[in-house]
Each structure stands twice: as C-alpha cells, then as structure tokens.
Amino acid sequence: MTARLARTVSSLLAAVFAVSCTSYYEIPIETPIRPKLDVSAFQRVLVAGFISGGSEDVDANLETVRLLRSQLRTKSELRVIDADVLPLMDVATTTHEPGGTASNGGSTSEDSGVSQVLPPVIKEEKDLEPYEHVFANVEYWKRIGEEYQSPLIVTGTVMFTPHQRSGFVQREQEVYDSFGRRRVVPIRTYMERKGFILKPKFVFIDGRTGTTLHSETFREEILYNANQTTPALSSYFELMDRLIPSFLSTLSSQKIRGTRVLLK
C-alpha cells in the first residue's frame, strides 16, 4: 500500500512539474464562411434602391443605398456601379396592372385578380405588401440589367419605424453595507422605453434575366430610456451596423477570427 501511494504521489509531482514547465501560446486563426449566394457569374453589382417607410426622419431608401455601396466597395470583389437611386415606389405605381384609382388617392394593383391599394405613404409593414409586386417584374429588371451591363442587382424593402415598450427591466445597482463594503445587486425596475425597429428585406436579382436569385429578411431593434434623446439617423446606422456582416456574407466569403491555445 505504501509503495502504491508513493508511486501515485510521484506521478502527481511529475504532472505538476510538467505543467509548471509548459508554455502556453495563443495562435490566431481565421475560419472562412462560404457565401450563401454564388456570384461568380457577375463582375458588377448595382444597389438599385428600396421601397422604404416608417420614420419620416430618415430617408431609408437613400441611406441604405449609400451604406451598402460603401460596404461593398471595400468588402466585396464586385465592382460597385454608381447610378441614381431608383424611385421604386413610383415604379411600382406606374407598372401595376390597370385597376383604376383608389378612393383614398392611392393606386391599385391587381395580382391574380385581387385588387390591392397602393398607399401613397408607407407607415406600417402591411403598407409594403401592395408594392412588392415590383420585384417580380422580370421585364423591368431585365431592362435595368441591360442598361448597366448585366450586373447583380440588390433591391428590396426597408422599414425603419419608431417603437415604444414598457415593462420591468433588470439592471445592476451598487449597495453598501454598514461596514462600507460595496456590492452590486440586480434589481427589477418598471421603465418606459422608446427606440426603433429596423426590418430590411434584401432581394438579389439576376440582371441578365430579371429573375430573383435570393431574398432574405432581417430584424434589429434598439430601445432607450424614455428621457433619452437619440437622433433617428444615429439609431438607423447603429442597427444597420449589426446586420451588415450578415448582408455581406450573402455575397462574399467572410472570416471569423479567433484564437487557439497551444502547449509547448
């Protein structure tokens, strides 16, 4: 028994000695992620424009086009086409099937025999639906593709809407005991909060044929204390910053950076 105990102790000491002599190295690694869409057939990309609505403080169509073009110039191998932003709401209105004029001043679109009202102002997400037929207009997008040498076309919808929410929120608070010792405790507080919801739908169209290759919808939300004043444009860019990596991963391979620990 003593000999066995001695061998066990010796093994433990040897292990401790080995660990104490071991050096640790952190090796940076990059893991590639393949794009969701094969864009090898395209050399150029046209961020054409978006049907947008929600907050009147931000022109989500213009700002989204500017931002995506800027990102694609630096993080994509496709050549970005500089062109005027397409007024897709007007295009959707003028390319609808004949259906007359709606009583509220908007136009109508007939899809499969069902008349849909085209609201003149898009305030809610449901207001987008009557306009979305424009993305299925193959002849229109093929004509746009011919004008710009058959690029990959990026279009879609963008809703940027004000949002309010009330309820209990957990936050941390510093407390001190009778000896002056500090500690942090979680407390639940009822709060009124306000902010914005950003919900873009990106539609990728083949400029050679006018057909849709892929579409994807994202949703981001941000809330602030009710007494905090944050410009709508700042909130828009903060929310777009969150989803830009997902947008880019659709078109080009991305790399996730991390580290691995090696022992020597």
C-alpha atoms as a PDB file:
ATOM      1  CA  MET A   1       0.000   0.000   0.000  1.00  0.00           C
ATOM      2  CA  THR A   2       2.844   2.372   0.874  1.00  0.00           C
ATOM      3  CA  ALA A   3       4.620   1.650  -2.407  1.00  0.00           C
ATOM      4  CA  ARG A   4       1.423   2.260  -4.360  1.00  0.00           C
ATOM      5  CA  LEU A   5       0.863   5.552  -2.535  1.00  0.00           C
ATOM      6  CA  ALA A   6       4.434   6.565  -3.218  1.00  0.00           C
ATOM      7  CA  ARG A   7       4.009   5.874  -6.938  1.00  0.00           C
ATOM      8  CA  THR A   8       0.786   7.925  -7.009  1.00  0.00           C
ATOM      9  CA  VAL A   9       2.440  10.858  -5.282  1.00  0.00           C
ATOM     10  CA  SER A  10       5.388  10.641  -7.668  1.00  0.00           C
ATOM     11  CA  SER A  11       3.070  10.684 -10.670  1.00  0.00           C
ATOM     12  CA  LEU A  12       1.250  13.739  -9.354  1.00  0.00           C
ATOM     13  CA  LEU A  13       4.504  15.548  -8.688  1.00  0.00           C
ATOM     14  CA  ALA A  14       5.712  14.715 -12.181  1.00  0.00           C
ATOM     15  CA  ALA A  15       2.477  16.053 -13.668  1.00  0.00           C
ATOM     16  CA  VAL A  16       2.711  19.267 -11.657  1.00  0.00           C
ATOM     17  CA  PHE A  17       6.335  19.697 -12.702  1.00  0.00           C
ATOM     18  CA  ALA A  18       5.440  19.141 -16.354  1.00  0.00           C
ATOM     19  CA  VAL A  19       2.623  21.690 -16.223  1.00  0.00           C
ATOM     20  CA  SER A  20       4.860  24.218 -14.484  1.00  0.00           C
ATOM     21  CA  CYS A  21       7.366  23.858 -17.298  1.00  0.00           C
ATOM     22  CA  THR A  22       4.751  24.110 -20.034  1.00  0.00           C
ATOM     23  CA  SER A  23       4.474  27.280 -22.093  1.00  0.00           C
ATOM     24  CA  TYR A  24       1.151  28.471 -23.416  1.00  0.00           C
ATOM     25  CA  TYR A  25       0.805  30.058 -26.827  1.00  0.00           C
ATOM     26  CA  GLU A  26      -2.275  31.711 -28.282  1.00  0.00           C
ATOM     27  CA  ILE A  27      -2.456  31.206 -32.029  1.00  0.00           C
ATOM     28  CA  PRO A  28      -4.799  33.467 -34.036  1.00  0.00           C
ATOM     29  CA  ILE A  29      -6.928  31.567 -36.532  1.00  0.00           C
ATOM     30  CA  GLU A  30      -9.442  32.516 -39.204  1.00  0.00           C
ATOM     31  CA  THR A  31     -12.366  30.304 -40.156  1.00  0.00           C
ATOM     32  CA  PRO A  32     -13.794  31.020 -43.630  1.00  0.00           C
ATOM     33  CA  ILE A  33     -17.560  31.034 -44.168  1.00  0.00           C
ATOM     34  CA  ARG A  34     -18.810  30.345 -47.670  1.00  0.00           C
ATOM     35  CA  PRO A  35     -21.256  32.872 -49.173  1.00  0.00           C
ATOM     36  CA  LYS A  36     -24.929  31.993 -49.365  1.00  0.00           C
ATOM     37  CA  LEU A  37     -25.163  33.122 -52.987  1.00  0.00           C
ATOM     38  CA  ASP A  38     -22.843  32.182 -55.851  1.00  0.00           C
ATOM     39  CA  VAL A  39     -21.959  35.481 -57.530  1.00  0.00           C
ATOM     40  CA  SER A  40     -19.067  34.166 -59.626  1.00  0.00           C
ATOM     41  CA  ALA A  41     -21.025  34.906 -62.814  1.00  0.00           C
ATOM     42  CA  PHE A  42     -21.101  38.631 -62.026  1.00  0.00           C
ATOM     43  CA  GLN A  43     -18.408  41.280 -62.149  1.00  0.00           C
ATOM     44  CA  ARG A  44     -20.570  44.244 -61.206  1.00  0.00           C
ATOM     45  CA  VAL A  45     -23.231  44.954 -58.574  1.00  0.00           C
ATOM     46  CA  LEU A  46     -25.963  47.584 -58.683  1.00  0.00           C
ATOM     47  CA  VAL A  47     -27.582  48.592 -55.405  1.00  0.00           C
ATOM     48  CA  ALA A  48     -30.636  49.926 -57.188  1.00  0.00           C
ATOM     49  CA  GLY A  49     -32.920  51.264 -54.489  1.00  0.00           C
ATOM     50  CA  PHE A  50     -35.513  50.210 -51.931  1.00  0.00           C
ATOM     51  CA  ILE A  51     -39.164  50.675 -51.147  1.00  0.00           C
ATOM     52  CA  SER A  52     -38.998  52.201 -47.698  1.00  0.00           C
ATOM     53  CA  GLY A  53     -41.250  53.532 -44.990  1.00  0.00           C
ATOM     54  CA  GLY A  54     -41.725  54.164 -41.303  1.00  0.00           C
ATOM     55  CA  SER A  55     -39.986  57.141 -39.766  1.00  0.00           C
ATOM     56  CA  GLU A  56     -40.100  60.382 -41.746  1.00  0.00           C
ATOM     57  CA  ASP A  57     -36.855  61.498 -40.082  1.00  0.00           C
ATOM     58  CA  VAL A  58     -34.727  59.097 -42.158  1.00  0.00           C
ATOM     59  CA  ASP A  59     -34.808  58.509 -45.906  1.00  0.00           C
ATOM     60  CA  ALA A  60     -34.214  54.769 -45.531  1.00  0.00           C
ATOM     61  CA  ASN A  61     -34.087  54.254 -49.299  1.00  0.00           C
ATOM     62  CA  LEU A  62     -31.274  56.733 -49.908  1.00  0.00           C
ATOM     63  CA  GLU A  63     -29.332  55.941 -46.721  1.00  0.00           C
ATOM     64  CA  THR A  64     -29.454  52.172 -47.302  1.00  0.00           C
ATOM     65  CA  VAL A  65     -28.213  52.526 -50.863  1.00  0.00           C
ATOM     66  CA  ARG A  66     -25.320  54.752 -49.766  1.00  0.00           C
ATOM     67  CA  LEU A  67     -24.333  52.452 -46.917  1.00  0.00           C
ATOM     68  CA  LEU A  68     -24.461  49.198 -48.906  1.00  0.00           C
ATOM     69  CA  ARG A  69     -22.497  50.676 -51.785  1.00  0.00           C
ATOM     70  CA  SER A  70     -19.827  51.896 -49.378  1.00  0.00           C
ATOM     71  CA  GLN A  71     -19.555  48.496 -47.700  1.00  0.00           C
ATOM     72  CA  LEU A  72     -19.439  46.588 -50.987  1.00  0.00           C
ATOM     73  CA  ARG A  73     -16.660  48.804 -52.339  1.00  0.00           C
ATOM     74  CA  THR A  74     -14.335  47.787 -49.509  1.00  0.00           C
ATOM     75  CA  LYS A  75     -15.531  44.281 -48.648  1.00  0.00           C
ATOM     76  CA  SER A  76     -16.564  42.718 -51.946  1.00  0.00           C
ATOM     77  CA  GLU A  77     -14.740  41.831 -55.132  1.00  0.00           C
ATOM     78  CA  LEU A  78     -17.665  43.028 -57.240  1.00  0.00           C
ATOM     79  CA  ARG A  79     -17.385  46.410 -58.920  1.00  0.00           C
ATOM     80  CA  VAL A  80     -19.996  48.760 -57.483  1.00  0.00           C
ATOM     81  CA  ILE A  81     -21.983  50.760 -60.050  1.00  0.00           C
ATOM     82  CA  ASP A  82     -22.573  54.426 -59.252  1.00  0.00           C
ATOM     83  CA  ALA A  83     -26.021  55.322 -60.508  1.00  0.00           C
ATOM     84  CA  ASP A  84     -29.057  57.314 -59.482  1.00  0.00           C
ATOM     85  CA  VAL A  85     -31.206  55.648 -56.844  1.00  0.00           C
ATOM     86  CA  LEU A  86     -34.319  54.174 -58.416  1.00  0.00           C
ATOM     87  CA  PRO A  87     -37.630  55.634 -57.133  1.00  0.00           C
ATOM     88  CA  LEU A  88     -39.184  52.200 -56.734  1.00  0.00           C
ATOM     89  CA  MET A  89     -42.422  53.451 -55.194  1.00  0.00           C
ATOM     90  CA  ASP A  90     -43.084  55.403 -58.381  1.00  0.00           C
ATOM     91  CA  VAL A  91     -42.016  52.435 -60.486  1.00  0.00           C
ATOM     92  CA  ALA A  92     -44.376  50.132 -58.602  1.00  0.00           C
ATOM     93  CA  THR A  93     -47.210  52.601 -59.073  1.00  0.00           C
ATOM     94  CA  THR A  94     -46.692  53.084 -62.810  1.00  0.00           C
ATOM     95  CA  THR A  95     -46.102  49.407 -63.614  1.00  0.00           C
ATOM     96  CA  HIS A  96     -49.163  47.964 -61.882  1.00  0.00           C
ATOM     97  CA  GLU A  97     -51.818  46.274 -63.964  1.00  0.00           C
ATOM     98  CA  PRO A  98     -54.734  48.526 -64.868  1.00  0.00           C
ATOM     99  CA  GLY A  99     -57.073  48.789 -61.946  1.00  0.00           C
ATOM    100  CA  GLY A 100     -58.223  52.365 -61.719  1.00  0.00           C
ATOM    101  CA  THR A 101     -57.723  54.850 -58.920  1.00  0.00           C
ATOM    102  CA  ALA A 102     -58.346  54.056 -55.285  1.00  0.00           C
ATOM    103  CA  SER A 103     -60.766  56.161 -53.284  1.00  0.00           C
ATOM    104  CA  ASN A 104     -58.047  57.293 -50.873  1.00  0.00           C
ATOM    105  CA  GLY A 105     -55.879  58.743 -53.601  1.00  0.00           C
ATOM    106  CA  GLY A 106     -53.571  55.744 -53.974  1.00  0.00           C
ATOM    107  CA  SER A 107     -53.323  53.484 -56.994  1.00  0.00           C
ATOM    108  CA  THR A 108     -54.421  49.876 -57.239  1.00  0.00           C
ATOM    109  CA  SER A 109     -52.517  46.796 -58.253  1.00  0.00           C
ATOM    110  CA  GLU A 110     -54.205  43.628 -59.473  1.00  0.00           C
ATOM    111  CA  ASP A 111     -52.400  40.410 -58.593  1.00  0.00           C
ATOM    112  CA  SER A 112     -54.137  37.163 -59.571  1.00  0.00           C
ATOM    113  CA  GLY A 113     -57.358  39.081 -59.994  1.00  0.00           C
ATOM    114  CA  VAL A 114     -57.269  40.616 -56.496  1.00  0.00           C
ATOM    115  CA  SER A 115     -57.164  44.392 -56.341  1.00  0.00           C
ATOM    116  CA  GLN A 116     -54.677  45.876 -53.875  1.00  0.00           C
ATOM    117  CA  VAL A 117     -54.474  49.500 -52.813  1.00  0.00           C
ATOM    118  CA  LEU A 118     -51.094  51.187 -53.164  1.00  0.00           C
ATOM    119  CA  PRO A 119     -50.966  53.562 -50.164  1.00  0.00           C
ATOM    120  CA  PRO A 120     -49.293  56.888 -51.006  1.00  0.00           C
ATOM    121  CA  VAL A 121     -47.334  56.790 -47.722  1.00  0.00           C
ATOM    122  CA  ILE A 122     -45.861  53.659 -46.133  1.00  0.00           C
ATOM    123  CA  LYS A 123     -46.278  53.882 -42.379  1.00  0.00           C
ATOM    124  CA  GLU A 124     -46.607  50.228 -41.370  1.00  0.00           C
ATOM    125  CA  GLU A 125     -45.225  46.935 -42.603  1.00  0.00           C
ATOM    126  CA  LYS A 126     -48.561  45.923 -44.119  1.00  0.00           C
ATOM    127  CA  ASP A 127     -48.368  49.002 -46.369  1.00  0.00           C
ATOM    128  CA  LEU A 128     -45.383  47.430 -48.153  1.00  0.00           C
ATOM    129  CA  GLU A 129     -47.238  44.382 -49.422  1.00  0.00           C
ATOM    130  CA  PRO A 130     -49.074  46.034 -52.344  1.00  0.00           C
ATOM    131  CA  TYR A 131     -45.742  47.356 -53.662  1.00  0.00           C
ATOM    132  CA  GLU A 132     -43.790  44.097 -53.597  1.00  0.00           C
ATOM    133  CA  HIS A 133     -45.080  43.016 -56.992  1.00  0.00           C
ATOM    134  CA  VAL A 134     -42.373  45.237 -58.489  1.00  0.00           C
ATOM    135  CA  PHE A 135     -39.686  42.683 -57.540  1.00  0.00           C
ATOM    136  CA  ALA A 136     -41.406  40.047 -59.669  1.00  0.00           C
ATOM    137  CA  ASN A 137     -41.471  42.312 -62.740  1.00  0.00           C
ATOM    138  CA  VAL A 138     -38.953  40.343 -64.784  1.00  0.00           C
ATOM    139  CA  GLU A 139     -39.102  42.601 -67.834  1.00  0.00           C
ATOM    140  CA  TYR A 140     -38.403  45.726 -65.790  1.00  0.00           C
ATOM    141  CA  TRP A 141     -35.353  44.289 -64.035  1.00  0.00           C
ATOM    142  CA  LYS A 142     -34.053  42.760 -67.251  1.00  0.00           C
ATOM    143  CA  ARG A 143     -34.249  46.205 -68.839  1.00  0.00           C
ATOM    144  CA  ILE A 144     -32.340  47.698 -65.908  1.00  0.00           C
ATOM    145  CA  GLY A 145     -29.762  44.914 -66.250  1.00  0.00           C
ATOM    146  CA  GLU A 146     -29.272  45.649 -69.934  1.00  0.00           C
ATOM    147  CA  GLU A 147     -28.709  49.310 -69.136  1.00  0.00           C
ATOM    148  CA  TYR A 148     -25.902  48.508 -66.670  1.00  0.00           C
ATOM    149  CA  GLN A 149     -24.229  45.553 -68.431  1.00  0.00           C
ATOM    150  CA  SER A 150     -25.984  42.672 -66.658  1.00  0.00           C
ATOM    151  CA  PRO A 151     -24.937  43.198 -63.030  1.00  0.00           C
ATOM    152  CA  LEU A 152     -26.147  41.557 -59.868  1.00  0.00           C
ATOM    153  CA  ILE A 153     -28.976  43.825 -58.691  1.00  0.00           C
ATOM    154  CA  VAL A 154     -29.631  44.445 -55.000  1.00  0.00           C
ATOM    155  CA  THR A 155     -33.008  45.870 -54.069  1.00  0.00           C
ATOM    156  CA  GLY A 156     -35.801  45.186 -51.592  1.00  0.00           C
ATOM    157  CA  THR A 157     -37.710  46.918 -48.806  1.00  0.00           C
ATOM    158  CA  VAL A 158     -36.650  48.777 -45.665  1.00  0.00           C
ATOM    159  CA  MET A 159     -38.914  49.554 -42.722  1.00  0.00           C
ATOM    160  CA  PHE A 160     -37.478  51.856 -40.056  1.00  0.00           C
ATOM    161  CA  THR A 161     -40.197  52.526 -37.522  1.00  0.00           C
ATOM    162  CA  PRO A 162     -40.403  54.204 -34.100  1.00  0.00           C
ATOM    163  CA  HIS A 163     -41.163  51.797 -31.285  1.00  0.00           C
ATOM    164  CA  GLN A 164     -42.181  52.034 -27.634  1.00  0.00           C
ATOM    165  CA  ARG A 165     -42.207  49.395 -24.941  1.00  0.00           C
ATOM    166  CA  SER A 166     -42.892  49.396 -21.222  1.00  0.00           C
ATOM    167  CA  GLY A 167     -42.232  46.742 -18.622  1.00  0.00           C
ATOM    168  CA  PHE A 168     -39.851  45.528 -15.964  1.00  0.00           C
ATOM    169  CA  VAL A 169     -36.149  45.773 -16.774  1.00  0.00           C
ATOM    170  CA  GLN A 170     -33.357  44.200 -14.764  1.00  0.00           C
ATOM    171  CA  ARG A 171     -30.388  46.395 -14.026  1.00  0.00           C
ATOM    172  CA  GLU A 172     -27.469  46.394 -11.588  1.00  0.00           C
ATOM    173  CA  GLN A 173     -27.283  48.739  -8.617  1.00  0.00           C
ATOM    174  CA  GLU A 174     -24.449  49.430  -6.179  1.00  0.00           C
ATOM    175  CA  VAL A 175     -25.239  48.989  -2.473  1.00  0.00           C
ATOM    176  CA  TYR A 176     -23.076  49.378   0.640  1.00  0.00           C
ATOM    177  CA  ASP A 177     -23.459  47.553   3.926  1.00  0.00           C
ATOM    178  CA  SER A 178     -22.943  49.009   7.415  1.00  0.00           C
ATOM    179  CA  PHE A 179     -19.179  48.425   7.096  1.00  0.00           C
ATOM    180  CA  GLY A 180     -18.940  50.387   3.860  1.00  0.00           C
ATOM    181  CA  ARG A 181     -18.398  47.299   1.736  1.00  0.00           C
ATOM    182  CA  ARG A 182     -19.642  47.654  -1.824  1.00  0.00           C
ATOM    183  CA  ARG A 183     -21.538  45.060  -3.759  1.00  0.00           C
ATOM    184  CA  VAL A 184     -23.676  45.007  -6.903  1.00  0.00           C
ATOM    185  CA  VAL A 185     -27.170  43.541  -6.794  1.00  0.00           C
ATOM    186  CA  PRO A 186     -29.682  43.044  -9.628  1.00  0.00           C
ATOM    187  CA  ILE A 187     -32.953  44.910  -9.260  1.00  0.00           C
ATOM    188  CA  ARG A 188     -36.087  44.977 -11.418  1.00  0.00           C
ATOM    189  CA  THR A 189     -37.486  48.369 -12.341  1.00  0.00           C
ATOM    190  CA  TYR A 190     -40.556  49.301 -14.354  1.00  0.00           C
ATOM    191  CA  MET A 191     -39.480  51.525 -17.234  1.00  0.00           C
ATOM    192  CA  GLU A 192     -40.925  53.257 -20.247  1.00  0.00           C
ATOM    193  CA  ARG A 193     -38.585  52.856 -23.202  1.00  0.00           C
ATOM    194  CA  LYS A 194     -38.590  54.060 -26.774  1.00  0.00           C
ATOM    195  CA  GLY A 195     -36.492  53.366 -29.817  1.00  0.00           C
ATOM    196  CA  PHE A 196     -36.661  51.973 -33.333  1.00  0.00           C
ATOM    197  CA  ILE A 197     -37.126  48.742 -35.249  1.00  0.00           C
ATOM    198  CA  LEU A 198     -35.228  48.197 -38.496  1.00  0.00           C
ATOM    199  CA  LYS A 199     -36.521  45.461 -40.783  1.00  0.00           C
ATOM    200  CA  PRO A 200     -34.901  45.274 -44.224  1.00  0.00           C
ATOM    201  CA  LYS A 201     -35.622  42.685 -46.880  1.00  0.00           C
ATOM    202  CA  PHE A 202     -32.812  42.299 -49.399  1.00  0.00           C
ATOM    203  CA  VAL A 203     -33.750  40.963 -52.842  1.00  0.00           C
ATOM    204  CA  PHE A 204     -30.964  39.810 -55.180  1.00  0.00           C
ATOM    205  CA  ILE A 205     -31.889  39.851 -58.876  1.00  0.00           C
ATOM    206  CA  ASP A 206     -30.009  38.483 -61.876  1.00  0.00           C
ATOM    207  CA  GLY A 207     -29.529  41.452 -64.198  1.00  0.00           C
ATOM    208  CA  ARG A 208     -29.174  39.099 -67.183  1.00  0.00           C
ATOM    209  CA  THR A 209     -32.620  37.542 -66.847  1.00  0.00           C
ATOM    210  CA  GLY A 210     -34.523  39.808 -64.430  1.00  0.00           C
ATOM    211  CA  THR A 211     -35.338  36.876 -62.136  1.00  0.00           C
ATOM    212  CA  THR A 212     -34.910  36.790 -58.365  1.00  0.00           C
ATOM    213  CA  LEU A 213     -31.949  34.715 -57.170  1.00  0.00           C
ATOM    214  CA  HIS A 214     -32.317  35.085 -53.424  1.00  0.00           C
ATOM    215  CA  SER A 215     -34.084  37.142 -50.777  1.00  0.00           C
ATOM    216  CA  GLU A 216     -33.504  37.478 -47.065  1.00  0.00           C
ATOM    217  CA  THR A 217     -35.177  39.431 -44.266  1.00  0.00           C
ATOM    218  CA  PHE A 218     -33.504  40.791 -41.127  1.00  0.00           C
ATOM    219  CA  ARG A 219     -34.815  42.462 -37.995  1.00  0.00           C
ATOM    220  CA  GLU A 220     -32.998  44.568 -35.418  1.00  0.00           C
ATOM    221  CA  GLU A 221     -34.387  46.575 -32.511  1.00  0.00           C
ATOM    222  CA  ILE A 222     -32.964  49.192 -30.185  1.00  0.00           C
ATOM    223  CA  LEU A 223     -34.544  50.779 -27.107  1.00  0.00           C
ATOM    224  CA  TYR A 224     -33.520  53.730 -24.933  1.00  0.00           C
ATOM    225  CA  ASN A 225     -34.770  55.243 -21.702  1.00  0.00           C
ATOM    226  CA  ALA A 226     -37.815  57.383 -22.344  1.00  0.00           C
ATOM    227  CA  ASN A 227     -35.969  60.540 -21.249  1.00  0.00           C
ATOM    228  CA  GLN A 228     -33.019  59.885 -23.555  1.00  0.00           C
ATOM    229  CA  THR A 229     -32.970  61.770 -26.842  1.00  0.00           C
ATOM    230  CA  THR A 230     -31.214  59.932 -29.684  1.00  0.00           C
ATOM    231  CA  PRO A 231     -31.358  61.130 -33.317  1.00  0.00           C
ATOM    232  CA  ALA A 232     -33.217  58.738 -35.592  1.00  0.00           C
ATOM    233  CA  LEU A 233     -30.332  58.679 -38.086  1.00  0.00           C
ATOM    234  CA  SER A 234     -27.871  57.594 -35.374  1.00  0.00           C
ATOM    235  CA  SER A 235     -30.175  54.739 -34.396  1.00  0.00           C
ATOM    236  CA  TYR A 236     -30.532  53.720 -38.027  1.00  0.00           C
ATOM    237  CA  PHE A 237     -26.767  53.442 -38.513  1.00  0.00           C
ATOM    238  CA  GLU A 238     -26.349  51.575 -35.223  1.00  0.00           C
ATOM    239  CA  LEU A 239     -28.926  48.998 -36.275  1.00  0.00           C
ATOM    240  CA  MET A 240     -27.505  48.668 -39.788  1.00  0.00           C
ATOM    241  CA  ASP A 241     -24.064  48.117 -38.295  1.00  0.00           C
ATOM    242  CA  ARG A 242     -25.407  44.996 -36.586  1.00  0.00           C
ATOM    243  CA  LEU A 243     -26.737  43.350 -39.739  1.00  0.00           C
ATOM    244  CA  ILE A 244     -24.175  44.448 -42.350  1.00  0.00           C
ATOM    245  CA  PRO A 245     -21.966  41.354 -41.705  1.00  0.00           C
ATOM    246  CA  SER A 246     -24.937  39.083 -42.445  1.00  0.00           C
ATOM    247  CA  PHE A 247     -25.685  41.006 -45.635  1.00  0.00           C
ATOM    248  CA  LEU A 248     -22.071  40.753 -46.797  1.00  0.00           C
ATOM    249  CA  SER A 249     -21.923  37.026 -46.040  1.00  0.00           C
ATOM    250  CA  THR A 250     -24.609  36.522 -48.670  1.00  0.00           C
ATOM    251  CA  LEU A 251     -22.329  37.793 -51.427  1.00  0.00           C
ATOM    252  CA  SER A 252     -18.774  37.030 -50.381  1.00  0.00           C
ATOM    253  CA  SER A 253     -16.887  34.698 -48.103  1.00  0.00           C
ATOM    254  CA  GLN A 254     -16.277  36.083 -44.634  1.00  0.00           C
ATOM    255  CA  LYS A 255     -13.781  35.083 -41.963  1.00  0.00           C
ATOM    256  CA  ILE A 256     -14.435  34.561 -38.272  1.00  0.00           C
ATOM    257  CA  ARG A 257     -11.375  35.419 -36.225  1.00  0.00           C
ATOM    258  CA  GLY A 258     -10.486  33.594 -33.023  1.00  0.00           C
ATOM    259  CA  THR A 259      -7.620  32.040 -31.087  1.00  0.00           C
ATOM    260  CA  ARG A 260      -6.446  28.579 -30.100  1.00  0.00           C
ATOM    261  CA  VAL A 261      -4.207  27.763 -27.126  1.00  0.00           C
ATOM    262  CA  LEU A 262      -1.188  25.532 -27.758  1.00  0.00           C
ATOM    263  CA  LEU A 263       1.008  23.935 -25.108  1.00  0.00           C
ATOM    264  CA  LYS A 264       4.734  23.592 -25.534  1.00  0.00           C
END
